[in-house]
Amino acid sequence: MWQFIKSFDIQLFYLINKSGQNSLFDYLMPILSNIKYFYIPLAAAWLFLITRKGFRARSLAVGIVLLIAFSEYVSSDVLKPFFDRPRPYDTLSHVRLHGYQGDWIVTPELEEPVFGRSRSLPSSHATNMFAAALLLTYYYRRWWALFYMVAFLVAYSRVYLGVHYPTDVIFGAAVGTLCGILSVLLIKAAGRFIEKKKVSSANGTVDSDSRRDKT
């Protein structure tokens, strides 16, 4: 069973990485995969949320930062060392890679796999994006298709760029989803706690006023 999954994973990787190449994706995928292009809009959105009044907006602003930090830790510091799976270009031949200068290269014939130089499973991009997509969907349900489309495209870009296997991004998406569910549960618990404190405080104020009226 595992050999079948491994073989299918490699075939799907080459289908996306080489057979699926086109000029549009050659331009788009490196952008989607590079967080630097999103710094300004993400910072602006975060400042907008954190400066708004009310628990909803501020909880999202704080929650998204904590969630991404947590999902990044789980994927990069816990799971990647545990699985220690090399990236495709360290285990396969003729992988199409996007270079630092914006050019595309194809790796040469690989004599033997290289271990200990890179870690592939899971994809941190997929983990973080699907965690964020779930949390954002909890707050803005009408936009769920947009959130998940972006998450899917970012995950797809990692395979297209030759730095992850399909199973890396699938597993990363699953881990990110679990992290997102956990964050939603914690935010709900925090919301209930704050609401109880407000009710308790309001009841205390009413009781205090009633005692003053009686005296």
C-alpha atoms as a PDB file:
ATOM      1  CA  MET A   1       0.000   0.000   0.000  1.00  0.00           C
ATOM      2  CA  TRP A   2       2.743   2.431   0.963  1.00  0.00           C
ATOM      3  CA  GLN A   3       4.659   1.678  -2.255  1.00  0.00           C
ATOM      4  CA  PHE A   4       1.528   2.457  -4.289  1.00  0.00           C
ATOM      5  CA  ILE A   5       1.047   5.773  -2.452  1.00  0.00           C
ATOM      6  CA  LYS A   6       4.727   6.640  -2.914  1.00  0.00           C
ATOM      7  CA  SER A   7       4.608   5.824  -6.630  1.00  0.00           C
ATOM      8  CA  PHE A   8       1.399   7.804  -7.124  1.00  0.00           C
ATOM      9  CA  ASP A   9       2.896  10.719  -5.180  1.00  0.00           C
ATOM     10  CA  ILE A  10       5.916  10.850  -7.497  1.00  0.00           C
ATOM     11  CA  GLN A  11       3.792  10.568 -10.644  1.00  0.00           C
ATOM     12  CA  LEU A  12       1.498  13.360  -9.460  1.00  0.00           C
ATOM     13  CA  PHE A  13       4.513  15.479  -8.564  1.00  0.00           C
ATOM     14  CA  TYR A  14       5.950  15.222 -12.085  1.00  0.00           C
ATOM     15  CA  LEU A  15       2.508  15.844 -13.581  1.00  0.00           C
ATOM     16  CA  ILE A  16       2.262  19.171 -11.737  1.00  0.00           C
ATOM     17  CA  ASN A  17       5.935  20.140 -11.733  1.00  0.00           C
ATOM     18  CA  LYS A  18       6.770  19.358 -15.378  1.00  0.00           C
ATOM     19  CA  SER A  19       3.769  18.347 -17.481  1.00  0.00           C
ATOM     20  CA  GLY A  20       1.588  21.071 -15.987  1.00  0.00           C
ATOM     21  CA  GLN A  21       3.960  23.948 -16.666  1.00  0.00           C
ATOM     22  CA  ASN A  22       2.703  26.989 -18.550  1.00  0.00           C
ATOM     23  CA  SER A  23       3.692  30.642 -18.914  1.00  0.00           C
ATOM     24  CA  LEU A  24       0.899  31.946 -16.664  1.00  0.00           C
ATOM     25  CA  PHE A  25       1.778  29.652 -13.770  1.00  0.00           C
ATOM     26  CA  ASP A  26       5.497  30.274 -14.305  1.00  0.00           C
ATOM     27  CA  TYR A  27       4.757  33.910 -13.483  1.00  0.00           C
ATOM     28  CA  LEU A  28       2.025  33.426 -10.853  1.00  0.00           C
ATOM     29  CA  MET A  29       3.283  30.547  -8.716  1.00  0.00           C
ATOM     30  CA  PRO A  30       6.536  32.181  -7.513  1.00  0.00           C
ATOM     31  CA  ILE A  31       4.489  35.200  -6.395  1.00  0.00           C
ATOM     32  CA  LEU A  32       1.950  33.084  -4.500  1.00  0.00           C
ATOM     33  CA  SER A  33       4.766  31.185  -2.806  1.00  0.00           C
ATOM     34  CA  ASN A  34       6.670  34.279  -1.643  1.00  0.00           C
ATOM     35  CA  ILE A  35       5.278  35.836   1.545  1.00  0.00           C
ATOM     36  CA  LYS A  36       7.222  39.057   0.914  1.00  0.00           C
ATOM     37  CA  TYR A  37       4.640  40.086  -1.687  1.00  0.00           C
ATOM     38  CA  PHE A  38       1.944  40.013   1.009  1.00  0.00           C
ATOM     39  CA  TYR A  39       3.679  41.938   3.803  1.00  0.00           C
ATOM     40  CA  ILE A  40       2.035  45.321   3.129  1.00  0.00           C
ATOM     41  CA  PRO A  41      -1.598  44.170   2.572  1.00  0.00           C
ATOM     42  CA  LEU A  42      -1.397  41.762   5.532  1.00  0.00           C
ATOM     43  CA  ALA A  43       0.052  44.451   7.810  1.00  0.00           C
ATOM     44  CA  ALA A  44      -2.651  46.917   6.731  1.00  0.00           C
ATOM     45  CA  ALA A  45      -5.412  44.362   7.353  1.00  0.00           C
ATOM     46  CA  TRP A  46      -3.980  43.483  10.770  1.00  0.00           C
ATOM     47  CA  LEU A  47      -3.755  47.147  11.838  1.00  0.00           C
ATOM     48  CA  PHE A  48      -7.334  47.678  10.679  1.00  0.00           C
ATOM     49  CA  LEU A  49      -8.557  44.793  12.830  1.00  0.00           C
ATOM     50  CA  ILE A  50      -6.531  45.535  15.955  1.00  0.00           C
ATOM     51  CA  THR A  51      -7.637  49.202  16.044  1.00  0.00           C
ATOM     52  CA  ARG A  52     -11.336  48.385  15.787  1.00  0.00           C
ATOM     53  CA  LYS A  53     -13.483  48.197  18.890  1.00  0.00           C
ATOM     54  CA  GLY A  54     -15.086  44.975  20.068  1.00  0.00           C
ATOM     55  CA  PHE A  55     -14.024  41.427  20.771  1.00  0.00           C
ATOM     56  CA  ARG A  56     -14.671  40.071  17.286  1.00  0.00           C
ATOM     57  CA  ALA A  57     -12.159  42.127  15.295  1.00  0.00           C
ATOM     58  CA  ARG A  58      -9.474  42.184  17.961  1.00  0.00           C
ATOM     59  CA  SER A  59      -9.772  38.478  18.691  1.00  0.00           C
ATOM     60  CA  LEU A  60      -9.206  37.782  14.990  1.00  0.00           C
ATOM     61  CA  ALA A  61      -6.163  40.078  14.900  1.00  0.00           C
ATOM     62  CA  VAL A  62      -4.597  38.407  17.921  1.00  0.00           C
ATOM     63  CA  GLY A  63      -5.824  34.933  17.022  1.00  0.00           C
ATOM     64  CA  ILE A  64      -4.397  34.915  13.504  1.00  0.00           C
ATOM     65  CA  VAL A  65      -0.915  35.867  14.747  1.00  0.00           C
ATOM     66  CA  LEU A  66      -0.947  33.224  17.481  1.00  0.00           C
ATOM     67  CA  LEU A  67      -2.379  30.630  15.101  1.00  0.00           C
ATOM     68  CA  ILE A  68       0.273  31.129  12.410  1.00  0.00           C
ATOM     69  CA  ALA A  69       3.031  31.065  15.035  1.00  0.00           C
ATOM     70  CA  PHE A  70       1.620  27.826  16.444  1.00  0.00           C
ATOM     71  CA  SER A  71       1.050  26.129  13.078  1.00  0.00           C
ATOM     72  CA  GLU A  72       4.544  27.144  11.935  1.00  0.00           C
ATOM     73  CA  TYR A  73       6.005  25.664  15.104  1.00  0.00           C
ATOM     74  CA  VAL A  74       4.079  22.414  14.713  1.00  0.00           C
ATOM     75  CA  SER A  75       5.021  21.980  11.055  1.00  0.00           C
ATOM     76  CA  SER A  76       8.635  23.212  11.081  1.00  0.00           C
ATOM     77  CA  ASP A  77       9.884  22.373  14.570  1.00  0.00           C
ATOM     78  CA  VAL A  78       7.892  19.254  15.429  1.00  0.00           C
ATOM     79  CA  LEU A  79       6.722  17.362  12.356  1.00  0.00           C
ATOM     80  CA  LYS A  80       9.494  18.078   9.860  1.00  0.00           C
ATOM     81  CA  PRO A  81      12.263  16.821  12.180  1.00  0.00           C
ATOM     82  CA  PHE A  82      10.102  13.831  13.082  1.00  0.00           C
ATOM     83  CA  PHE A  83       9.524  12.694   9.481  1.00  0.00           C
ATOM     84  CA  ASP A  84      12.846  14.043   8.146  1.00  0.00           C
ATOM     85  CA  ARG A  85      11.730  13.580   4.546  1.00  0.00           C
ATOM     86  CA  PRO A  86      14.058  15.160   1.926  1.00  0.00           C
ATOM     87  CA  ARG A  87      12.584  17.552  -0.614  1.00  0.00           C
ATOM     88  CA  PRO A  88      11.863  16.315  -4.148  1.00  0.00           C
ATOM     89  CA  TYR A  89      15.001  17.867  -5.643  1.00  0.00           C
ATOM     90  CA  ASP A  90      17.086  15.840  -3.175  1.00  0.00           C
ATOM     91  CA  THR A  91      15.380  12.549  -4.020  1.00  0.00           C
ATOM     92  CA  LEU A  92      14.306  12.820  -7.670  1.00  0.00           C
ATOM     93  CA  SER A  93      15.972  13.620 -10.986  1.00  0.00           C
ATOM     94  CA  HIS A  94      14.937  16.297 -13.497  1.00  0.00           C
ATOM     95  CA  VAL A  95      12.952  18.420 -11.058  1.00  0.00           C
ATOM     96  CA  ARG A  96      11.968  21.821 -12.380  1.00  0.00           C
ATOM     97  CA  LEU A  97      12.979  24.533  -9.896  1.00  0.00           C
ATOM     98  CA  HIS A  98      12.507  28.290  -9.769  1.00  0.00           C
ATOM     99  CA  GLY A  99      15.860  29.988  -9.173  1.00  0.00           C
ATOM    100  CA  TYR A 100      16.635  33.033  -7.026  1.00  0.00           C
ATOM    101  CA  GLN A 101      17.236  35.128 -10.135  1.00  0.00           C
ATOM    102  CA  GLY A 102      13.763  34.396 -11.455  1.00  0.00           C
ATOM    103  CA  ASP A 103      14.907  31.751 -13.927  1.00  0.00           C
ATOM    104  CA  TRP A 104      13.823  28.128 -14.157  1.00  0.00           C
ATOM    105  CA  ILE A 105      16.271  25.245 -13.990  1.00  0.00           C
ATOM    106  CA  VAL A 106      15.968  21.475 -14.267  1.00  0.00           C
ATOM    107  CA  THR A 107      18.028  19.409 -11.854  1.00  0.00           C
ATOM    108  CA  PRO A 108      20.406  16.833 -13.347  1.00  0.00           C
ATOM    109  CA  GLU A 109      20.198  13.071 -13.067  1.00  0.00           C
ATOM    110  CA  LEU A 110      20.418  12.166  -9.383  1.00  0.00           C
ATOM    111  CA  GLU A 111      22.795   9.325  -8.590  1.00  0.00           C
ATOM    112  CA  GLU A 112      21.398   8.731  -5.102  1.00  0.00           C
ATOM    113  CA  PRO A 113      19.046  10.520  -2.677  1.00  0.00           C
ATOM    114  CA  VAL A 114      20.515  13.203  -0.430  1.00  0.00           C
ATOM    115  CA  PHE A 115      19.436  12.939   3.209  1.00  0.00           C
ATOM    116  CA  GLY A 116      19.847  15.460   6.006  1.00  0.00           C
ATOM    117  CA  ARG A 117      19.995  18.563   3.788  1.00  0.00           C
ATOM    118  CA  SER A 118      16.314  19.466   3.507  1.00  0.00           C
ATOM    119  CA  ARG A 119      12.967  18.635   5.098  1.00  0.00           C
ATOM    120  CA  SER A 120       9.792  18.369   3.109  1.00  0.00           C
ATOM    121  CA  LEU A 121       6.967  16.856   5.178  1.00  0.00           C
ATOM    122  CA  PRO A 122       4.721  18.669   5.878  1.00  0.00           C
ATOM    123  CA  SER A 123       4.613  21.847   3.804  1.00  0.00           C
ATOM    124  CA  SER A 124       4.639  24.788   6.232  1.00  0.00           C
ATOM    125  CA  HIS A 125       3.061  27.012   3.566  1.00  0.00           C
ATOM    126  CA  ALA A 126       0.105  24.632   3.290  1.00  0.00           C
ATOM    127  CA  THR A 127      -0.144  24.230   7.051  1.00  0.00           C
ATOM    128  CA  ASN A 128      -0.207  27.972   7.698  1.00  0.00           C
ATOM    129  CA  MET A 129      -2.533  28.844   4.820  1.00  0.00           C
ATOM    130  CA  PHE A 130      -5.167  26.221   5.630  1.00  0.00           C
ATOM    131  CA  ALA A 131      -5.024  27.120   9.322  1.00  0.00           C
ATOM    132  CA  ALA A 132      -5.634  30.772   8.394  1.00  0.00           C
ATOM    133  CA  ALA A 133      -8.375  29.819   5.916  1.00  0.00           C
ATOM    134  CA  LEU A 134     -10.324  27.951   8.578  1.00  0.00           C
ATOM    135  CA  LEU A 135     -10.024  30.749  11.126  1.00  0.00           C
ATOM    136  CA  LEU A 136     -11.001  33.422   8.589  1.00  0.00           C
ATOM    137  CA  THR A 137     -13.959  31.307   7.484  1.00  0.00           C
ATOM    138  CA  TYR A 138     -15.157  31.179  11.087  1.00  0.00           C
ATOM    139  CA  TYR A 139     -15.295  34.999  11.135  1.00  0.00           C
ATOM    140  CA  TYR A 140     -16.326  35.693   7.534  1.00  0.00           C
ATOM    141  CA  ARG A 141     -18.210  32.634   6.322  1.00  0.00           C
ATOM    142  CA  ARG A 142     -19.458  34.215   3.107  1.00  0.00           C
ATOM    143  CA  TRP A 143     -15.856  34.503   1.863  1.00  0.00           C
ATOM    144  CA  TRP A 144     -14.875  30.880   2.569  1.00  0.00           C
ATOM    145  CA  ALA A 145     -14.420  30.023  -1.121  1.00  0.00           C
ATOM    146  CA  LEU A 146     -11.914  32.854  -1.563  1.00  0.00           C
ATOM    147  CA  PHE A 147      -9.935  31.890   1.546  1.00  0.00           C
ATOM    148  CA  TYR A 148      -9.679  28.249   0.524  1.00  0.00           C
ATOM    149  CA  MET A 149      -8.941  29.067  -3.108  1.00  0.00           C
ATOM    150  CA  VAL A 150      -5.928  31.143  -2.018  1.00  0.00           C
ATOM    151  CA  ALA A 151      -4.818  28.389   0.382  1.00  0.00           C
ATOM    152  CA  PHE A 152      -5.127  25.782  -2.378  1.00  0.00           C
ATOM    153  CA  LEU A 153      -3.184  27.885  -4.900  1.00  0.00           C
ATOM    154  CA  VAL A 154      -0.369  28.540  -2.423  1.00  0.00           C
ATOM    155  CA  ALA A 155      -0.175  24.814  -1.626  1.00  0.00           C
ATOM    156  CA  TYR A 156      -0.250  23.958  -5.334  1.00  0.00           C
ATOM    157  CA  SER A 157       2.562  26.442  -5.979  1.00  0.00           C
ATOM    158  CA  ARG A 158       4.860  24.527  -3.646  1.00  0.00           C
ATOM    159  CA  VAL A 159       4.577  21.425  -5.822  1.00  0.00           C
ATOM    160  CA  TYR A 160       4.754  23.447  -9.038  1.00  0.00           C
ATOM    161  CA  LEU A 161       7.985  25.062  -7.832  1.00  0.00           C
ATOM    162  CA  GLY A 162       9.482  21.645  -7.117  1.00  0.00           C
ATOM    163  CA  VAL A 163      10.004  22.062  -3.377  1.00  0.00           C
ATOM    164  CA  HIS A 164       7.287  19.729  -2.066  1.00  0.00           C
ATOM    165  CA  TYR A 165       5.554  16.487  -2.921  1.00  0.00           C
ATOM    166  CA  PRO A 166       1.745  16.482  -3.252  1.00  0.00           C
ATOM    167  CA  THR A 167       1.483  14.446  -0.039  1.00  0.00           C
ATOM    168  CA  ASP A 168       3.494  17.158   1.747  1.00  0.00           C
ATOM    169  CA  VAL A 169       0.872  19.793   0.995  1.00  0.00           C
ATOM    170  CA  ILE A 170      -2.068  17.434   1.600  1.00  0.00           C
ATOM    171  CA  PHE A 171      -0.719  16.489   5.006  1.00  0.00           C
ATOM    172  CA  GLY A 172       0.130  20.135   5.704  1.00  0.00           C
ATOM    173  CA  ALA A 173      -3.439  21.140   4.835  1.00  0.00           C
ATOM    174  CA  ALA A 174      -4.777  18.533   7.269  1.00  0.00           C
ATOM    175  CA  VAL A 175      -2.458  19.687  10.065  1.00  0.00           C
ATOM    176  CA  GLY A 176      -3.344  23.320   9.390  1.00  0.00           C
ATOM    177  CA  THR A 177      -7.041  22.498   9.522  1.00  0.00           C
ATOM    178  CA  LEU A 178      -6.621  20.848  12.916  1.00  0.00           C
ATOM    179  CA  CYS A 179      -4.672  23.873  14.176  1.00  0.00           C
ATOM    180  CA  GLY A 180      -7.433  26.136  12.885  1.00  0.00           C
ATOM    181  CA  ILE A 181     -10.136  24.099  14.617  1.00  0.00           C
ATOM    182  CA  LEU A 182      -8.201  24.314  17.877  1.00  0.00           C
ATOM    183  CA  SER A 183      -7.882  28.087  17.531  1.00  0.00           C
ATOM    184  CA  VAL A 184     -11.625  28.472  16.907  1.00  0.00           C
ATOM    185  CA  LEU A 185     -12.421  26.400  20.007  1.00  0.00           C
ATOM    186  CA  LEU A 186     -10.081  28.545  22.117  1.00  0.00           C
ATOM    187  CA  ILE A 187     -11.543  31.784  20.755  1.00  0.00           C
ATOM    188  CA  LYS A 188     -15.057  30.545  21.463  1.00  0.00           C
ATOM    189  CA  ALA A 189     -14.030  29.642  25.015  1.00  0.00           C
ATOM    190  CA  ALA A 190     -12.421  33.065  25.471  1.00  0.00           C
ATOM    191  CA  GLY A 191     -15.578  34.745  24.155  1.00  0.00           C
ATOM    192  CA  ARG A 192     -17.789  32.836  26.588  1.00  0.00           C
ATOM    193  CA  PHE A 193     -15.464  33.694  29.471  1.00  0.00           C
ATOM    194  CA  ILE A 194     -15.499  37.399  28.625  1.00  0.00           C
ATOM    195  CA  GLU A 195     -19.279  37.365  28.214  1.00  0.00           C
ATOM    196  CA  LYS A 196     -19.702  35.734  31.641  1.00  0.00           C
ATOM    197  CA  LYS A 197     -17.428  38.352  33.184  1.00  0.00           C
ATOM    198  CA  LYS A 198     -19.519  41.110  31.626  1.00  0.00           C
ATOM    199  CA  VAL A 199     -22.768  39.569  32.889  1.00  0.00           C
ATOM    200  CA  SER A 200     -21.275  39.021  36.333  1.00  0.00           C
ATOM    201  CA  SER A 201     -20.004  42.597  36.422  1.00  0.00           C
ATOM    202  CA  ALA A 202     -23.373  43.933  35.285  1.00  0.00           C
ATOM    203  CA  ASN A 203     -25.214  41.898  37.929  1.00  0.00           C
ATOM    204  CA  GLY A 204     -22.799  43.153  40.564  1.00  0.00           C
ATOM    205  CA  THR A 205     -23.491  46.742  39.543  1.00  0.00           C
ATOM    206  CA  VAL A 206     -27.264  46.173  39.690  1.00  0.00           C
ATOM    207  CA  ASP A 207     -27.028  44.587  43.152  1.00  0.00           C
ATOM    208  CA  SER A 208     -24.881  47.466  44.375  1.00  0.00           C
ATOM    209  CA  ASP A 209     -27.353  50.017  43.050  1.00  0.00           C
ATOM    210  CA  SER A 210     -30.251  48.128  44.667  1.00  0.00           C
ATOM    211  CA  ARG A 211     -28.544  48.144  48.061  1.00  0.00           C
ATOM    212  CA  ARG A 212     -27.918  51.890  47.809  1.00  0.00           C
ATOM    213  CA  ASP A 213     -31.561  52.511  46.931  1.00  0.00           C
ATOM    214  CA  LYS A 214     -32.711  50.541  49.993  1.00  0.00           C
ATOM    215  CA  THR A 215     -30.535  52.571  52.309  1.00  0.00           C
END
